[in-house]
Amino acid sequence: MIVEICSVVIAACALFVSVFTAYIQKKHDRISIMPICFIVEKCHEGNLAVLIRNLGLGAMTIDKALMTRGEEVHGNLIEMMPKVKQKWEGFSLEIEGRTILPTQEIVLIAINPKSESIRQAVKDALTGVEVSISFHDVYGKEYHKEKRLGGWGILEKDFGYVAK
């Protein structure tokens, strides 16, 4: 009688442990392929660029992309830029529905200005723009990332440091 009760208790404990382990494994699997959206502002050696980069280990699919400045709302960044007398190095018109694989990126805009006036006009147009990205992972879990552009600061100049 005691042996049967002990075996039932041990079986119940084993069942609990296996169910708990399956739950933890499922949670770990979802976290391990979570996308991490990073909105990048590049202002280095005269180049200006805004990118959406996936720093996570899973794919991210963009559901909604909005660029706003005051009352002005657009689905891409190039429509908010001033007319310049040179070619853009890259830009994206269609952002929604695109999938970004891990370590990959989408170029919202990129330019290597030929003059300081073009550089300043593009910087002025970008300053204050809020980029809002809604996306989901492979399991359909939804995420949201926002960033206000214009934090150019120290990245505008080289440090002048040379490694020895």
Foldseek 3Di string as FASTA:
>chain_A
DVVVVVVVVVVVVVVVVVVVVVVVVVVCVDQQADWDWDWDFAAAPQKTWTKIATQGQFKKAWAAKWKDAVPDIDRADVVLADDDPDDWPDADRDRHGDMAHHGGMHTHTIHRDPDPVNSVRRLVSQAQIKIKTWIATPVRDIDIDIDGDNPPPPNNYDPPDDDD
